[in-house]
Amino acid sequence: MTNSLRNFFVFRYRAVLAHRWLFIAWAASVIGGEVFAFFFKTASPAATEARFVREHLYPILIAAAVFALGLTAHWYKQKNQHMYGVVEIVFGIFLSVSIAIAVFLGRGSATQWGSLLACAYVIARGCNNVAEAKAKAVAQVVERLSALAEQVAKVSDMIATLRPQDPPNAIVEHD
């Protein structure tokens, strides 16, 4: 199997594996949050305990989940910047559509208009990530081609040194 084919299949495997781990992390956070919420809703009969959980523990757990999601997104962007940019663009479009529906049905507020601007920023960042990934890919191709050109030059130099300088039938006079 040639190097390019091997690299293609390894890249595809890593991309599929990255998507699978992103889904597993998301599913674990959702299921864990639901189990935790169910446990504390049923296990804390006293109003003060429920209030403590609602006012202090849930925000801390949500902040921890958001932090974990941010780390996962950072890791995913490092592994596959192009797909991360595409996901950003799609997320920004879907979120902007859902906010725009609420705004134009008459329930719009200044916060939602600001959220629409934030969606535009997310889409712009996604486009930037796609462009950066393409630029990196082009730079890698150029680097590989220049390395290949150097190898071809070395081989042609080696071939030139192996060629006899004089034709085989030539009479050469030596001093």
N, C-alpha and C. Protein backbone atom coordinates (compact mmCIF):
# COMPACT_ATOMS: atom_id res chain seq x y z
N MET A 1 0.85 -1.18 0.00
CA MET A 1 0.00 0.00 0.00
C MET A 1 0.90 1.24 0.00
N THR A 2 0.60 2.16 -0.86
CA THR A 2 1.44 3.34 -0.96
C THR A 2 1.23 4.25 0.25
N ASN A 3 2.17 5.16 0.45
CA ASN A 3 2.09 6.09 1.58
C ASN A 3 0.85 6.95 1.51
N SER A 4 0.50 7.45 0.33
CA SER A 4 -0.66 8.34 0.23
C SER A 4 -1.94 7.59 0.57
N LEU A 5 -2.07 6.34 0.12
CA LEU A 5 -3.26 5.57 0.47
C LEU A 5 -3.31 5.29 1.97
N ARG A 6 -2.17 4.92 2.51
CA ARG A 6 -2.13 4.64 3.95
C ARG A 6 -2.49 5.89 4.74
N ASN A 7 -1.92 7.04 4.37
CA ASN A 7 -2.22 8.29 5.06
C ASN A 7 -3.69 8.66 4.92
N PHE A 8 -4.28 8.40 3.75
CA PHE A 8 -5.69 8.70 3.54
C PHE A 8 -6.56 7.89 4.49
N PHE A 9 -6.29 6.58 4.58
CA PHE A 9 -7.11 5.74 5.44
C PHE A 9 -6.89 6.06 6.92
N VAL A 10 -5.67 6.36 7.31
CA VAL A 10 -5.40 6.73 8.70
C VAL A 10 -6.11 8.03 9.02
N PHE A 11 -6.09 9.01 8.10
CA PHE A 11 -6.78 10.28 8.32
C PHE A 11 -8.27 10.05 8.48
N ARG A 12 -8.87 9.23 7.58
CA ARG A 12 -10.31 8.97 7.66
C ARG A 12 -10.66 8.28 8.98
N TYR A 13 -9.82 7.33 9.40
CA TYR A 13 -10.08 6.64 10.65
C TYR A 13 -10.04 7.61 11.82
N ARG A 14 -9.02 8.50 11.82
CA ARG A 14 -8.92 9.47 12.91
C ARG A 14 -10.09 10.44 12.90
N ALA A 15 -10.55 10.85 11.74
CA ALA A 15 -11.68 11.77 11.65
C ALA A 15 -12.95 11.11 12.19
N VAL A 16 -13.20 9.86 11.80
CA VAL A 16 -14.38 9.15 12.29
C VAL A 16 -14.26 8.94 13.79
N LEU A 17 -13.09 8.59 14.27
CA LEU A 17 -12.89 8.38 15.69
C LEU A 17 -13.11 9.67 16.46
N ALA A 18 -12.67 10.80 15.94
CA ALA A 18 -12.87 12.08 16.61
C ALA A 18 -14.35 12.41 16.70
N HIS A 19 -15.11 12.16 15.63
CA HIS A 19 -16.54 12.42 15.67
C HIS A 19 -17.22 11.52 16.70
N ARG A 20 -16.80 10.28 16.76
CA ARG A 20 -17.40 9.34 17.70
C ARG A 20 -17.13 9.77 19.14
N TRP A 21 -15.91 10.19 19.45
CA TRP A 21 -15.59 10.62 20.81
C TRP A 21 -16.32 11.90 21.17
N LEU A 22 -16.53 12.79 20.21
CA LEU A 22 -17.28 14.01 20.47
C LEU A 22 -18.72 13.65 20.83
N PHE A 23 -19.31 12.70 20.10
CA PHE A 23 -20.67 12.28 20.41
C PHE A 23 -20.74 11.59 21.77
N ILE A 24 -19.76 10.75 22.07
CA ILE A 24 -19.74 10.05 23.36
C ILE A 24 -19.62 11.05 24.51
N ALA A 25 -18.78 12.07 24.36
CA ALA A 25 -18.64 13.08 25.41
C ALA A 25 -19.93 13.85 25.60
N TRP A 26 -20.59 14.20 24.50
CA TRP A 26 -21.85 14.92 24.60
C TRP A 26 -22.91 14.05 25.27
N ALA A 27 -23.03 12.80 24.84
CA ALA A 27 -24.04 11.91 25.41
C ALA A 27 -23.79 11.67 26.89
N ALA A 28 -22.53 11.50 27.28
CA ALA A 28 -22.22 11.28 28.70
C ALA A 28 -22.58 12.50 29.53
N SER A 29 -22.33 13.70 29.01
CA SER A 29 -22.65 14.89 29.79
C SER A 29 -24.16 15.06 29.93
N VAL A 30 -24.92 14.76 28.88
CA VAL A 30 -26.37 14.88 28.95
C VAL A 30 -26.95 13.84 29.90
N ILE A 31 -26.54 12.59 29.74
CA ILE A 31 -27.07 11.53 30.60
C ILE A 31 -26.66 11.75 32.04
N GLY A 32 -25.40 12.11 32.26
CA GLY A 32 -24.94 12.38 33.63
C GLY A 32 -25.70 13.53 34.27
N GLY A 33 -25.94 14.57 33.51
CA GLY A 33 -26.70 15.71 34.04
C GLY A 33 -28.12 15.33 34.41
N GLU A 34 -28.76 14.52 33.56
CA GLU A 34 -30.13 14.09 33.84
C GLU A 34 -30.18 13.18 35.07
N VAL A 35 -29.25 12.25 35.17
CA VAL A 35 -29.22 11.36 36.34
C VAL A 35 -28.97 12.16 37.61
N PHE A 36 -28.04 13.09 37.54
CA PHE A 36 -27.73 13.91 38.71
C PHE A 36 -28.93 14.76 39.10
N ALA A 37 -29.61 15.37 38.12
CA ALA A 37 -30.78 16.20 38.41
C ALA A 37 -31.89 15.35 39.01
N PHE A 38 -32.11 14.16 38.46
CA PHE A 38 -33.15 13.29 39.01
C PHE A 38 -32.83 12.90 40.44
N PHE A 39 -31.56 12.56 40.70
CA PHE A 39 -31.16 12.14 42.04
C PHE A 39 -31.41 13.25 43.05
N PHE A 40 -31.01 14.46 42.73
CA PHE A 40 -31.16 15.54 43.70
C PHE A 40 -32.58 16.05 43.80
N LYS A 41 -33.40 15.88 42.77
CA LYS A 41 -34.80 16.27 42.88
C LYS A 41 -35.56 15.31 43.78
N THR A 42 -35.21 14.02 43.73
CA THR A 42 -35.94 13.04 44.52
C THR A 42 -35.30 12.81 45.89
N ALA A 43 -34.00 13.02 46.02
CA ALA A 43 -33.32 12.69 47.27
C ALA A 43 -33.29 13.85 48.26
N SER A 44 -33.75 15.04 47.89
CA SER A 44 -33.70 16.16 48.83
C SER A 44 -35.10 16.66 49.11
N PRO A 45 -35.77 16.05 50.09
CA PRO A 45 -37.15 16.44 50.37
C PRO A 45 -37.26 17.81 51.05
N ALA A 46 -36.26 18.20 51.78
CA ALA A 46 -36.34 19.48 52.48
C ALA A 46 -36.20 20.63 51.50
N ALA A 47 -36.98 21.67 51.72
CA ALA A 47 -36.96 22.82 50.81
C ALA A 47 -35.62 23.53 50.83
N THR A 48 -34.97 23.55 51.98
CA THR A 48 -33.68 24.25 52.05
C THR A 48 -32.61 23.52 51.26
N GLU A 49 -32.65 22.19 51.31
CA GLU A 49 -31.68 21.43 50.53
C GLU A 49 -31.92 21.61 49.04
N ALA A 50 -33.19 21.57 48.64
CA ALA A 50 -33.50 21.75 47.22
C ALA A 50 -33.10 23.15 46.78
N ARG A 51 -33.30 24.12 47.63
CA ARG A 51 -32.91 25.49 47.28
C ARG A 51 -31.39 25.60 47.18
N PHE A 52 -30.68 24.95 48.09
CA PHE A 52 -29.21 24.97 48.03
C PHE A 52 -28.72 24.36 46.72
N VAL A 53 -29.30 23.22 46.37
CA VAL A 53 -28.90 22.54 45.13
C VAL A 53 -29.20 23.43 43.93
N ARG A 54 -30.40 24.01 43.92
CA ARG A 54 -30.83 24.83 42.80
C ARG A 54 -29.98 26.09 42.66
N GLU A 55 -29.64 26.71 43.78
CA GLU A 55 -28.94 27.99 43.74
C GLU A 55 -27.42 27.87 43.70
N HIS A 56 -26.88 26.79 44.22
CA HIS A 56 -25.42 26.70 44.32
C HIS A 56 -24.82 25.54 43.54
N LEU A 57 -25.38 24.36 43.69
CA LEU A 57 -24.78 23.18 43.09
C LEU A 57 -25.01 23.11 41.58
N TYR A 58 -26.23 23.36 41.13
CA TYR A 58 -26.51 23.31 39.70
C TYR A 58 -25.65 24.30 38.90
N PRO A 59 -25.54 25.56 39.34
CA PRO A 59 -24.66 26.46 38.57
C PRO A 59 -23.21 25.98 38.50
N ILE A 60 -22.72 25.40 39.59
CA ILE A 60 -21.35 24.88 39.59
C ILE A 60 -21.23 23.71 38.62
N LEU A 61 -22.22 22.82 38.62
CA LEU A 61 -22.19 21.67 37.70
C LEU A 61 -22.33 22.12 36.25
N ILE A 62 -23.17 23.11 36.02
CA ILE A 62 -23.32 23.62 34.66
C ILE A 62 -22.02 24.26 34.20
N ALA A 63 -21.39 25.04 35.08
CA ALA A 63 -20.11 25.66 34.73
C ALA A 63 -19.05 24.60 34.44
N ALA A 64 -19.03 23.53 35.23
CA ALA A 64 -18.07 22.45 34.99
C ALA A 64 -18.35 21.75 33.66
N ALA A 65 -19.62 21.54 33.36
CA ALA A 65 -19.98 20.90 32.09
C ALA A 65 -19.59 21.79 30.90
N VAL A 66 -19.81 23.10 31.04
CA VAL A 66 -19.44 24.03 29.97
C VAL A 66 -17.92 24.04 29.80
N PHE A 67 -17.19 24.01 30.90
CA PHE A 67 -15.73 23.96 30.83
C PHE A 67 -15.27 22.69 30.13
N ALA A 68 -15.86 21.55 30.48
CA ALA A 68 -15.50 20.28 29.84
C ALA A 68 -15.84 20.31 28.35
N LEU A 69 -16.99 20.89 28.01
CA LEU A 69 -17.36 21.01 26.61
C LEU A 69 -16.38 21.91 25.86
N GLY A 70 -15.93 22.98 26.50
CA GLY A 70 -14.95 23.87 25.89
C GLY A 70 -13.62 23.17 25.65
N LEU A 71 -13.18 22.37 26.62
CA LEU A 71 -11.94 21.61 26.43
C LEU A 71 -12.07 20.59 25.30
N THR A 72 -13.24 19.94 25.24
CA THR A 72 -13.48 18.98 24.17
C THR A 72 -13.48 19.67 22.81
N ALA A 73 -14.10 20.85 22.74
CA ALA A 73 -14.13 21.60 21.48
C ALA A 73 -12.72 22.04 21.08
N HIS A 74 -11.92 22.45 22.06
CA HIS A 74 -10.54 22.85 21.77
C HIS A 74 -9.73 21.66 21.23
N TRP A 75 -9.87 20.52 21.86
CA TRP A 75 -9.17 19.31 21.41
C TRP A 75 -9.61 18.95 20.00
N TYR A 76 -10.92 19.02 19.75
CA TYR A 76 -11.44 18.67 18.44
C TYR A 76 -10.93 19.64 17.38
N LYS A 77 -10.85 20.93 17.73
CA LYS A 77 -10.35 21.92 16.77
C LYS A 77 -8.88 21.65 16.44
N GLN A 78 -8.10 21.25 17.43
CA GLN A 78 -6.69 20.93 17.17
C GLN A 78 -6.55 19.74 16.24
N LYS A 79 -7.44 18.77 16.36
CA LYS A 79 -7.35 17.55 15.55
C LYS A 79 -7.91 17.75 14.15
N ASN A 80 -8.99 18.52 14.02
CA ASN A 80 -9.68 18.63 12.73
C ASN A 80 -10.28 20.04 12.61
N GLN A 81 -9.45 21.01 12.27
CA GLN A 81 -9.88 22.41 12.24
C GLN A 81 -10.92 22.66 11.15
N HIS A 82 -10.79 22.01 10.02
CA HIS A 82 -11.75 22.23 8.94
C HIS A 82 -13.16 21.82 9.36
N MET A 83 -13.30 20.61 9.89
CA MET A 83 -14.62 20.14 10.30
C MET A 83 -15.16 20.97 11.47
N TYR A 84 -14.27 21.41 12.35
CA TYR A 84 -14.69 22.28 13.45
C TYR A 84 -15.29 23.58 12.90
N GLY A 85 -14.66 24.14 11.88
CA GLY A 85 -15.19 25.35 11.26
C GLY A 85 -16.55 25.12 10.62
N VAL A 86 -16.70 23.98 9.96
CA VAL A 86 -17.99 23.65 9.34
C VAL A 86 -19.07 23.51 10.41
N VAL A 87 -18.74 22.85 11.52
CA VAL A 87 -19.70 22.70 12.63
C VAL A 87 -20.05 24.07 13.19
N GLU A 88 -19.07 24.96 13.32
CA GLU A 88 -19.35 26.32 13.79
C GLU A 88 -20.31 27.04 12.86
N ILE A 89 -20.10 26.94 11.58
CA ILE A 89 -20.97 27.61 10.61
C ILE A 89 -22.39 27.07 10.71
N VAL A 90 -22.53 25.76 10.74
CA VAL A 90 -23.86 25.14 10.82
C VAL A 90 -24.55 25.51 12.13
N PHE A 91 -23.81 25.47 13.23
CA PHE A 91 -24.37 25.84 14.53
C PHE A 91 -24.84 27.29 14.52
N GLY A 92 -24.02 28.19 13.97
CA GLY A 92 -24.39 29.60 13.90
C GLY A 92 -25.64 29.82 13.06
N ILE A 93 -25.75 29.10 11.96
CA ILE A 93 -26.93 29.25 11.10
C ILE A 93 -28.18 28.76 11.81
N PHE A 94 -28.13 27.57 12.38
CA PHE A 94 -29.32 27.04 13.07
C PHE A 94 -29.71 27.90 14.26
N LEU A 95 -28.74 28.34 15.03
CA LEU A 95 -29.05 29.18 16.18
C LEU A 95 -29.62 30.52 15.73
N SER A 96 -29.08 31.10 14.68
CA SER A 96 -29.61 32.39 14.21
C SER A 96 -31.02 32.25 13.69
N VAL A 97 -31.33 31.12 13.04
CA VAL A 97 -32.70 30.90 12.56
C VAL A 97 -33.66 30.80 13.73
N SER A 98 -33.29 30.05 14.77
CA SER A 98 -34.19 29.91 15.92
C SER A 98 -34.38 31.24 16.65
N ILE A 99 -33.33 32.03 16.76
CA ILE A 99 -33.46 33.34 17.42
C ILE A 99 -34.27 34.29 16.54
N ALA A 100 -34.04 34.25 15.23
CA ALA A 100 -34.77 35.13 14.31
C ALA A 100 -36.26 34.84 14.33
N ILE A 101 -36.62 33.58 14.44
CA ILE A 101 -38.05 33.22 14.53
C ILE A 101 -38.67 33.87 15.76
N ALA A 102 -37.98 33.79 16.90
CA ALA A 102 -38.50 34.40 18.12
C ALA A 102 -38.55 35.93 18.01
N VAL A 103 -37.55 36.52 17.37
CA VAL A 103 -37.51 37.98 17.24
C VAL A 103 -38.65 38.47 16.35
N PHE A 104 -38.87 37.81 15.24
CA PHE A 104 -39.87 38.30 14.30
C PHE A 104 -41.28 37.86 14.62
N LEU A 105 -41.46 37.03 15.63
CA LEU A 105 -42.81 36.72 16.11
C LEU A 105 -43.26 37.72 17.17
N GLY A 106 -42.44 38.71 17.42
CA GLY A 106 -42.83 39.78 18.34
C GLY A 106 -42.31 39.62 19.74
N ARG A 107 -41.56 38.57 20.00
CA ARG A 107 -41.05 38.38 21.35
C ARG A 107 -39.58 38.77 21.44
N GLY A 108 -39.12 39.56 20.50
CA GLY A 108 -37.70 39.91 20.44
C GLY A 108 -37.32 40.92 21.51
N SER A 109 -36.12 40.78 22.01
CA SER A 109 -35.58 41.72 22.98
C SER A 109 -34.18 42.12 22.53
N ALA A 110 -33.62 43.07 23.24
CA ALA A 110 -32.27 43.53 22.90
C ALA A 110 -31.27 42.39 23.05
N THR A 111 -31.50 41.51 24.00
CA THR A 111 -30.61 40.38 24.20
C THR A 111 -30.63 39.45 22.98
N GLN A 112 -31.80 39.24 22.43
CA GLN A 112 -31.89 38.37 21.27
C GLN A 112 -31.26 39.01 20.04
N TRP A 113 -31.39 40.33 19.89
CA TRP A 113 -30.72 41.00 18.78
C TRP A 113 -29.19 40.88 18.96
N GLY A 114 -28.74 41.01 20.19
CA GLY A 114 -27.31 40.81 20.46
C GLY A 114 -26.88 39.39 20.17
N SER A 115 -27.77 38.44 20.46
CA SER A 115 -27.47 37.04 20.17
C SER A 115 -27.36 36.80 18.67
N LEU A 116 -28.16 37.51 17.88
CA LEU A 116 -28.04 37.39 16.43
C LEU A 116 -26.68 37.90 15.96
N LEU A 117 -26.21 38.98 16.56
CA LEU A 117 -24.86 39.47 16.23
C LEU A 117 -23.80 38.45 16.64
N ALA A 118 -24.00 37.81 17.79
CA ALA A 118 -23.06 36.77 18.23
C ALA A 118 -23.07 35.59 17.26
N CYS A 119 -24.24 35.26 16.70
CA CYS A 119 -24.31 34.19 15.70
C CYS A 119 -23.51 34.56 14.46
N ALA A 120 -23.59 35.83 14.07
CA ALA A 120 -22.80 36.28 12.92
C ALA A 120 -21.31 36.12 13.22
N TYR A 121 -20.91 36.41 14.44
CA TYR A 121 -19.50 36.24 14.83
C TYR A 121 -19.09 34.77 14.79
N VAL A 122 -19.96 33.89 15.28
CA VAL A 122 -19.66 32.45 15.27
C VAL A 122 -19.51 31.96 13.83
N ILE A 123 -20.37 32.42 12.95
CA ILE A 123 -20.27 32.03 11.54
C ILE A 123 -18.97 32.55 10.94
N ALA A 124 -18.62 33.79 11.27
CA ALA A 124 -17.36 34.35 10.76
C ALA A 124 -16.16 33.56 11.26
N ARG A 125 -16.17 33.17 12.53
CA ARG A 125 -15.07 32.37 13.07
C ARG A 125 -15.01 31.01 12.38
N GLY A 126 -16.18 30.43 12.09
CA GLY A 126 -16.20 29.16 11.39
C GLY A 126 -15.59 29.28 10.00
N CYS A 127 -15.94 30.36 9.29
CA CYS A 127 -15.34 30.59 7.96
C CYS A 127 -13.83 30.77 8.08
N ASN A 128 -13.40 31.47 9.13
CA ASN A 128 -11.97 31.68 9.34
C ASN A 128 -11.26 30.36 9.63
N ASN A 129 -11.87 29.50 10.41
CA ASN A 129 -11.26 28.18 10.71
C ASN A 129 -11.17 27.33 9.45
N VAL A 130 -12.19 27.37 8.60
CA VAL A 130 -12.15 26.62 7.34
C VAL A 130 -11.02 27.15 6.47
N ALA A 131 -10.91 28.49 6.37
CA ALA A 131 -9.85 29.08 5.55
C ALA A 131 -8.46 28.75 6.09
N GLU A 132 -8.29 28.80 7.41
CA GLU A 132 -6.99 28.45 8.01
C GLU A 132 -6.65 26.99 7.75
N ALA A 133 -7.64 26.11 7.85
CA ALA A 133 -7.38 24.68 7.60
C ALA A 133 -6.97 24.46 6.15
N LYS A 134 -7.62 25.17 5.23
CA LYS A 134 -7.24 25.03 3.82
C LYS A 134 -5.84 25.56 3.59
N ALA A 135 -5.51 26.69 4.22
CA ALA A 135 -4.16 27.26 4.06
C ALA A 135 -3.10 26.31 4.61
N LYS A 136 -3.40 25.68 5.75
CA LYS A 136 -2.45 24.70 6.31
C LYS A 136 -2.29 23.50 5.37
N ALA A 137 -3.39 23.06 4.79
CA ALA A 137 -3.32 21.92 3.87
C ALA A 137 -2.49 22.28 2.64
N VAL A 138 -2.68 23.48 2.11
CA VAL A 138 -1.90 23.91 0.94
C VAL A 138 -0.42 24.01 1.32
N ALA A 139 -0.13 24.56 2.51
CA ALA A 139 1.26 24.67 2.95
C ALA A 139 1.90 23.29 3.09
N GLN A 140 1.15 22.31 3.58
CA GLN A 140 1.68 20.96 3.70
C GLN A 140 1.96 20.36 2.33
N VAL A 141 1.08 20.60 1.37
CA VAL A 141 1.29 20.08 0.02
C VAL A 141 2.52 20.72 -0.60
N VAL A 142 2.66 22.04 -0.43
CA VAL A 142 3.83 22.74 -0.97
C VAL A 142 5.10 22.22 -0.33
N GLU A 143 5.06 21.99 0.98
CA GLU A 143 6.23 21.46 1.69
C GLU A 143 6.61 20.07 1.17
N ARG A 144 5.61 19.22 0.97
CA ARG A 144 5.88 17.88 0.47
C ARG A 144 6.41 17.92 -0.96
N LEU A 145 5.86 18.81 -1.78
CA LEU A 145 6.34 18.92 -3.15
C LEU A 145 7.77 19.45 -3.20
N SER A 146 8.10 20.40 -2.33
CA SER A 146 9.47 20.91 -2.32
C SER A 146 10.44 19.84 -1.84
N ALA A 147 10.02 19.04 -0.86
CA ALA A 147 10.87 17.93 -0.41
C ALA A 147 11.05 16.91 -1.55
N LEU A 148 9.99 16.65 -2.27
CA LEU A 148 10.08 15.74 -3.40
C LEU A 148 11.00 16.30 -4.49
N ALA A 149 10.90 17.60 -4.74
CA ALA A 149 11.76 18.23 -5.75
C ALA A 149 13.23 18.14 -5.33
N GLU A 150 13.51 18.30 -4.03
CA GLU A 150 14.88 18.16 -3.54
C GLU A 150 15.39 16.74 -3.75
N GLN A 151 14.53 15.76 -3.49
CA GLN A 151 14.94 14.37 -3.70
C GLN A 151 15.19 14.08 -5.17
N VAL A 152 14.35 14.63 -6.04
CA VAL A 152 14.55 14.43 -7.48
C VAL A 152 15.85 15.08 -7.91
N ALA A 153 16.16 16.25 -7.39
CA ALA A 153 17.42 16.92 -7.73
C ALA A 153 18.61 16.09 -7.27
N LYS A 154 18.54 15.51 -6.08
CA LYS A 154 19.64 14.67 -5.59
C LYS A 154 19.82 13.45 -6.48
N VAL A 155 18.72 12.83 -6.86
CA VAL A 155 18.81 11.64 -7.71
C VAL A 155 19.38 12.01 -9.07
N SER A 156 18.97 13.14 -9.64
CA SER A 156 19.51 13.54 -10.94
C SER A 156 21.00 13.87 -10.83
N ASP A 157 21.43 14.44 -9.69
CA ASP A 157 22.86 14.67 -9.49
C ASP A 157 23.62 13.36 -9.39
N MET A 158 23.05 12.38 -8.71
CA MET A 158 23.69 11.08 -8.61
C MET A 158 23.80 10.42 -9.98
N ILE A 159 22.77 10.54 -10.78
CA ILE A 159 22.79 9.96 -12.12
C ILE A 159 23.84 10.66 -12.97
N ALA A 160 23.95 11.98 -12.81
CA ALA A 160 24.95 12.73 -13.58
C ALA A 160 26.37 12.31 -13.20
N THR A 161 26.61 12.00 -11.95
CA THR A 161 27.95 11.57 -11.55
C THR A 161 28.26 10.16 -12.01
N LEU A 162 27.27 9.34 -12.23
CA LEU A 162 27.49 7.98 -12.69
C LEU A 162 27.76 7.92 -14.19
N ARG A 163 27.32 8.89 -14.95
CA ARG A 163 27.54 8.91 -16.39
C ARG A 163 29.01 9.08 -16.69
N PRO A 164 29.52 8.34 -17.65
CA PRO A 164 30.92 8.56 -18.02
C PRO A 164 31.05 9.89 -18.75
N GLN A 165 32.14 10.54 -18.49
CA GLN A 165 32.37 11.85 -19.11
C GLN A 165 32.72 11.71 -20.59
N ASP A 166 33.46 10.69 -20.94
CA ASP A 166 33.87 10.48 -22.32
C ASP A 166 33.08 9.33 -22.89
N PRO A 167 32.80 9.41 -24.18
CA PRO A 167 32.12 8.27 -24.78
C PRO A 167 33.03 7.04 -24.73
N PRO A 168 32.46 5.86 -24.74
CA PRO A 168 33.28 4.66 -24.60
C PRO A 168 34.27 4.45 -25.75
N ASN A 169 34.02 4.95 -26.93
CA ASN A 169 34.92 4.75 -28.07
C ASN A 169 35.95 5.86 -28.21
N ALA A 170 35.92 6.82 -27.35
CA ALA A 170 36.82 7.97 -27.50
C ALA A 170 38.25 7.57 -27.12
N ILE A 171 39.17 8.16 -27.82
CA ILE A 171 40.59 7.94 -27.51
C ILE A 171 41.02 9.02 -26.55
N VAL A 172 41.46 8.62 -25.44
CA VAL A 172 41.85 9.58 -24.41
C VAL A 172 43.35 9.54 -24.27
N GLU A 173 43.97 10.68 -24.34
CA GLU A 173 45.43 10.76 -24.17
C GLU A 173 45.72 11.16 -22.75
N HIS A 174 46.62 10.43 -22.15
CA HIS A 174 46.99 10.74 -20.78
C HIS A 174 48.42 11.25 -20.75
N ASP A 175 48.74 12.11 -19.84
CA ASP A 175 50.10 12.65 -19.72
C ASP A 175 51.02 11.70 -19.06
